[in-house]
Amino acid sequence: MLASEIHLGYITYSKTRSKRGQVELVSEEERIRVMGTHEKLKTPEEHEAIMERLLKNRMLNPNSRRTIYPFSGLRCW
């Protein structure tokens, strides 16, 4: 939800195309993006800050997000 451009006031049409039952994504350049009539909930600067933060969090090693205890199950003799 945070990455959505809907909160910037934009509406995007034609994200997918269907041919013979196969659905394919349309490239960013071919999509129709227009300013909607609904109220904006965030500014473009806030959106950029959110996107940078999401990108930064995505670069973390997946193992660092999990709760892993490497020494669990070991016995002390």
N, C-alpha and C. Protein backbone atom coordinates (compact mmCIF):
# COMPACT_ATOMS: atom_id res chain seq x y z
N MET A 1 0.81 -1.20 0.00
CA MET A 1 0.00 0.00 0.00
C MET A 1 0.86 1.26 0.00
N LEU A 2 1.99 1.21 0.66
CA LEU A 2 2.82 2.41 0.73
C LEU A 2 3.40 2.78 -0.62
N ALA A 3 3.65 1.81 -1.48
CA ALA A 3 4.27 2.07 -2.78
C ALA A 3 3.26 2.49 -3.84
N SER A 4 2.00 2.45 -3.54
CA SER A 4 0.96 2.75 -4.52
C SER A 4 0.94 4.23 -4.88
N GLU A 5 0.77 4.50 -6.18
CA GLU A 5 0.67 5.88 -6.64
C GLU A 5 -0.75 6.43 -6.51
N ILE A 6 -1.65 5.61 -6.09
CA ILE A 6 -3.03 6.06 -5.90
C ILE A 6 -3.08 7.17 -4.85
N HIS A 7 -2.24 7.05 -3.83
CA HIS A 7 -2.22 8.04 -2.76
C HIS A 7 -1.60 9.37 -3.21
N LEU A 8 -0.93 9.37 -4.36
CA LEU A 8 -0.41 10.61 -4.94
C LEU A 8 -1.46 11.31 -5.78
N GLY A 9 -2.58 10.64 -6.00
CA GLY A 9 -3.66 11.24 -6.78
C GLY A 9 -3.75 10.68 -8.20
N TYR A 10 -2.88 9.73 -8.55
CA TYR A 10 -2.86 9.18 -9.90
C TYR A 10 -3.69 7.90 -10.00
N ILE A 11 -4.24 7.68 -11.17
CA ILE A 11 -4.93 6.44 -11.49
C ILE A 11 -4.25 5.87 -12.73
N THR A 12 -3.94 4.57 -12.71
CA THR A 12 -3.26 3.93 -13.83
C THR A 12 -4.21 2.93 -14.47
N TYR A 13 -4.37 3.05 -15.79
CA TYR A 13 -5.20 2.14 -16.57
C TYR A 13 -4.33 1.27 -17.47
N SER A 14 -4.86 0.15 -17.89
CA SER A 14 -4.21 -0.76 -18.84
C SER A 14 -2.91 -1.33 -18.30
N LYS A 15 -2.93 -1.86 -17.07
CA LYS A 15 -1.73 -2.49 -16.52
C LYS A 15 -1.50 -3.87 -17.11
N THR A 16 -2.58 -4.54 -17.51
CA THR A 16 -2.46 -5.87 -18.09
C THR A 16 -3.21 -5.93 -19.41
N ARG A 17 -2.83 -6.91 -20.21
CA ARG A 17 -3.47 -7.14 -21.51
C ARG A 17 -3.73 -8.64 -21.62
N SER A 18 -4.87 -9.01 -22.16
CA SER A 18 -5.24 -10.41 -22.29
C SER A 18 -5.30 -10.79 -23.77
N LYS A 19 -4.59 -11.86 -24.11
CA LYS A 19 -4.61 -12.40 -25.46
C LYS A 19 -4.84 -13.90 -25.38
N ARG A 20 -5.95 -14.35 -25.93
CA ARG A 20 -6.28 -15.79 -25.98
C ARG A 20 -6.19 -16.44 -24.60
N GLY A 21 -6.66 -15.78 -23.61
CA GLY A 21 -6.67 -16.32 -22.26
C GLY A 21 -5.37 -16.13 -21.49
N GLN A 22 -4.33 -15.63 -22.14
CA GLN A 22 -3.06 -15.38 -21.48
C GLN A 22 -2.99 -13.92 -21.04
N VAL A 23 -2.69 -13.69 -19.80
CA VAL A 23 -2.60 -12.33 -19.28
C VAL A 23 -1.13 -11.92 -19.25
N GLU A 24 -0.83 -10.75 -19.80
CA GLU A 24 0.54 -10.24 -19.79
C GLU A 24 0.56 -8.83 -19.24
N LEU A 25 1.64 -8.48 -18.60
CA LEU A 25 1.80 -7.13 -18.06
C LEU A 25 2.20 -6.18 -19.17
N VAL A 26 1.69 -4.96 -19.10
CA VAL A 26 2.01 -3.92 -20.07
C VAL A 26 3.16 -3.10 -19.49
N SER A 27 4.09 -2.67 -20.35
CA SER A 27 5.24 -1.90 -19.88
C SER A 27 4.78 -0.54 -19.32
N GLU A 28 5.63 0.05 -18.51
CA GLU A 28 5.32 1.34 -17.88
C GLU A 28 5.02 2.42 -18.90
N GLU A 29 5.72 2.41 -20.03
CA GLU A 29 5.55 3.45 -21.04
C GLU A 29 4.19 3.37 -21.74
N GLU A 30 3.62 2.17 -21.84
CA GLU A 30 2.36 1.99 -22.55
C GLU A 30 1.13 2.18 -21.66
N ARG A 31 1.33 2.23 -20.35
CA ARG A 31 0.20 2.39 -19.43
C ARG A 31 -0.34 3.80 -19.49
N ILE A 32 -1.62 3.92 -19.20
CA ILE A 32 -2.28 5.23 -19.18
C ILE A 32 -2.32 5.69 -17.73
N ARG A 33 -1.69 6.81 -17.46
CA ARG A 33 -1.61 7.34 -16.10
C ARG A 33 -2.20 8.75 -16.10
N VAL A 34 -3.29 8.94 -15.35
CA VAL A 34 -3.96 10.24 -15.31
C VAL A 34 -4.15 10.68 -13.86
N MET A 35 -4.31 11.98 -13.69
CA MET A 35 -4.57 12.53 -12.37
C MET A 35 -6.04 12.30 -12.04
N GLY A 36 -6.30 11.67 -10.92
CA GLY A 36 -7.67 11.36 -10.52
C GLY A 36 -8.34 12.56 -9.85
N THR A 37 -9.59 12.37 -9.49
CA THR A 37 -10.34 13.43 -8.83
C THR A 37 -10.33 13.29 -7.31
N HIS A 38 -9.70 12.22 -6.81
CA HIS A 38 -9.69 12.01 -5.36
C HIS A 38 -8.56 12.81 -4.71
N GLU A 39 -8.66 12.93 -3.42
CA GLU A 39 -7.72 13.73 -2.64
C GLU A 39 -6.36 13.04 -2.51
N LYS A 40 -5.30 13.80 -2.61
CA LYS A 40 -3.95 13.27 -2.43
C LYS A 40 -3.71 13.04 -0.94
N LEU A 41 -3.09 11.92 -0.60
CA LEU A 41 -2.80 11.62 0.79
C LEU A 41 -1.33 11.81 1.15
N LYS A 42 -0.47 11.91 0.12
CA LYS A 42 0.95 12.16 0.37
C LYS A 42 1.53 12.99 -0.76
N THR A 43 2.65 13.63 -0.48
CA THR A 43 3.30 14.47 -1.49
C THR A 43 4.31 13.62 -2.27
N PRO A 44 4.76 14.09 -3.43
CA PRO A 44 5.78 13.34 -4.17
C PRO A 44 7.08 13.17 -3.38
N GLU A 45 7.43 14.13 -2.55
CA GLU A 45 8.63 14.01 -1.73
C GLU A 45 8.48 12.89 -0.70
N GLU A 46 7.31 12.82 -0.07
CA GLU A 46 7.05 11.75 0.88
C GLU A 46 7.08 10.39 0.19
N HIS A 47 6.51 10.33 -1.02
CA HIS A 47 6.49 9.08 -1.78
C HIS A 47 7.92 8.63 -2.10
N GLU A 48 8.78 9.55 -2.51
CA GLU A 48 10.17 9.21 -2.81
C GLU A 48 10.89 8.71 -1.55
N ALA A 49 10.64 9.35 -0.41
CA ALA A 49 11.26 8.91 0.83
C ALA A 49 10.81 7.51 1.22
N ILE A 50 9.54 7.22 1.03
CA ILE A 50 8.99 5.89 1.32
C ILE A 50 9.62 4.86 0.40
N MET A 51 9.71 5.17 -0.90
CA MET A 51 10.28 4.23 -1.86
C MET A 51 11.75 3.96 -1.57
N GLU A 52 12.52 4.98 -1.17
CA GLU A 52 13.92 4.79 -0.81
C GLU A 52 14.04 3.87 0.41
N ARG A 53 13.17 4.08 1.38
CA ARG A 53 13.21 3.26 2.60
C ARG A 53 12.85 1.81 2.28
N LEU A 54 11.84 1.60 1.42
CA LEU A 54 11.47 0.25 1.04
C LEU A 54 12.60 -0.44 0.28
N LEU A 55 13.27 0.30 -0.59
CA LEU A 55 14.40 -0.25 -1.33
C LEU A 55 15.55 -0.60 -0.39
N LYS A 56 15.80 0.25 0.57
CA LYS A 56 16.87 0.00 1.54
C LYS A 56 16.57 -1.25 2.35
N ASN A 57 15.33 -1.42 2.77
CA ASN A 57 14.95 -2.60 3.54
C ASN A 57 14.99 -3.87 2.70
N ARG A 58 14.73 -3.75 1.40
CA ARG A 58 14.72 -4.91 0.52
C ARG A 58 16.12 -5.47 0.31
N MET A 59 17.15 -4.63 0.47
CA MET A 59 18.52 -5.07 0.23
C MET A 59 19.09 -5.91 1.37
N LEU A 60 18.38 -6.00 2.47
CA LEU A 60 18.87 -6.80 3.58
C LEU A 60 18.89 -8.27 3.20
N ASN A 61 19.83 -8.98 3.77
CA ASN A 61 19.90 -10.41 3.60
C ASN A 61 18.63 -11.04 4.19
N PRO A 62 17.96 -11.95 3.47
CA PRO A 62 16.73 -12.55 4.00
C PRO A 62 16.94 -13.24 5.35
N ASN A 63 18.12 -13.79 5.58
CA ASN A 63 18.37 -14.45 6.87
C ASN A 63 18.42 -13.47 8.02
N SER A 64 18.74 -12.21 7.75
CA SER A 64 18.79 -11.24 8.83
C SER A 64 17.40 -10.82 9.28
N ARG A 65 16.39 -11.04 8.45
CA ARG A 65 15.01 -10.71 8.82
C ARG A 65 14.37 -11.81 9.65
N ARG A 66 14.84 -13.02 9.48
CA ARG A 66 14.26 -14.14 10.21
C ARG A 66 14.81 -14.18 11.63
N THR A 67 14.07 -14.84 12.49
CA THR A 67 14.54 -15.03 13.85
C THR A 67 15.27 -16.37 13.87
N ILE A 68 16.57 -16.31 13.67
CA ILE A 68 17.38 -17.52 13.61
C ILE A 68 18.33 -17.52 14.80
N TYR A 69 18.31 -18.60 15.49
CA TYR A 69 19.23 -18.80 16.61
C TYR A 69 20.15 -19.95 16.23
N PRO A 70 21.35 -19.64 15.72
CA PRO A 70 22.21 -20.68 15.17
C PRO A 70 22.67 -21.72 16.19
N PHE A 71 22.71 -21.40 17.46
CA PHE A 71 23.18 -22.35 18.46
C PHE A 71 22.04 -23.07 19.17
N SER A 72 20.83 -22.91 18.74
CA SER A 72 19.73 -23.62 19.40
C SER A 72 19.83 -25.11 19.07
N GLY A 73 19.55 -25.95 20.02
CA GLY A 73 19.62 -27.38 19.83
C GLY A 73 20.96 -27.99 20.22
N LEU A 74 21.95 -27.14 20.47
CA LEU A 74 23.26 -27.66 20.90
C LEU A 74 23.22 -27.93 22.40
N ARG A 75 23.92 -28.96 22.78
CA ARG A 75 23.97 -29.31 24.21
C ARG A 75 25.34 -28.99 24.77
N CYS A 76 25.34 -28.54 25.99
CA CYS A 76 26.60 -28.31 26.69
C CYS A 76 26.93 -29.56 27.48
N TRP A 77 28.13 -30.09 27.30
CA TRP A 77 28.52 -31.32 28.01
C TRP A 77 29.29 -31.01 29.21
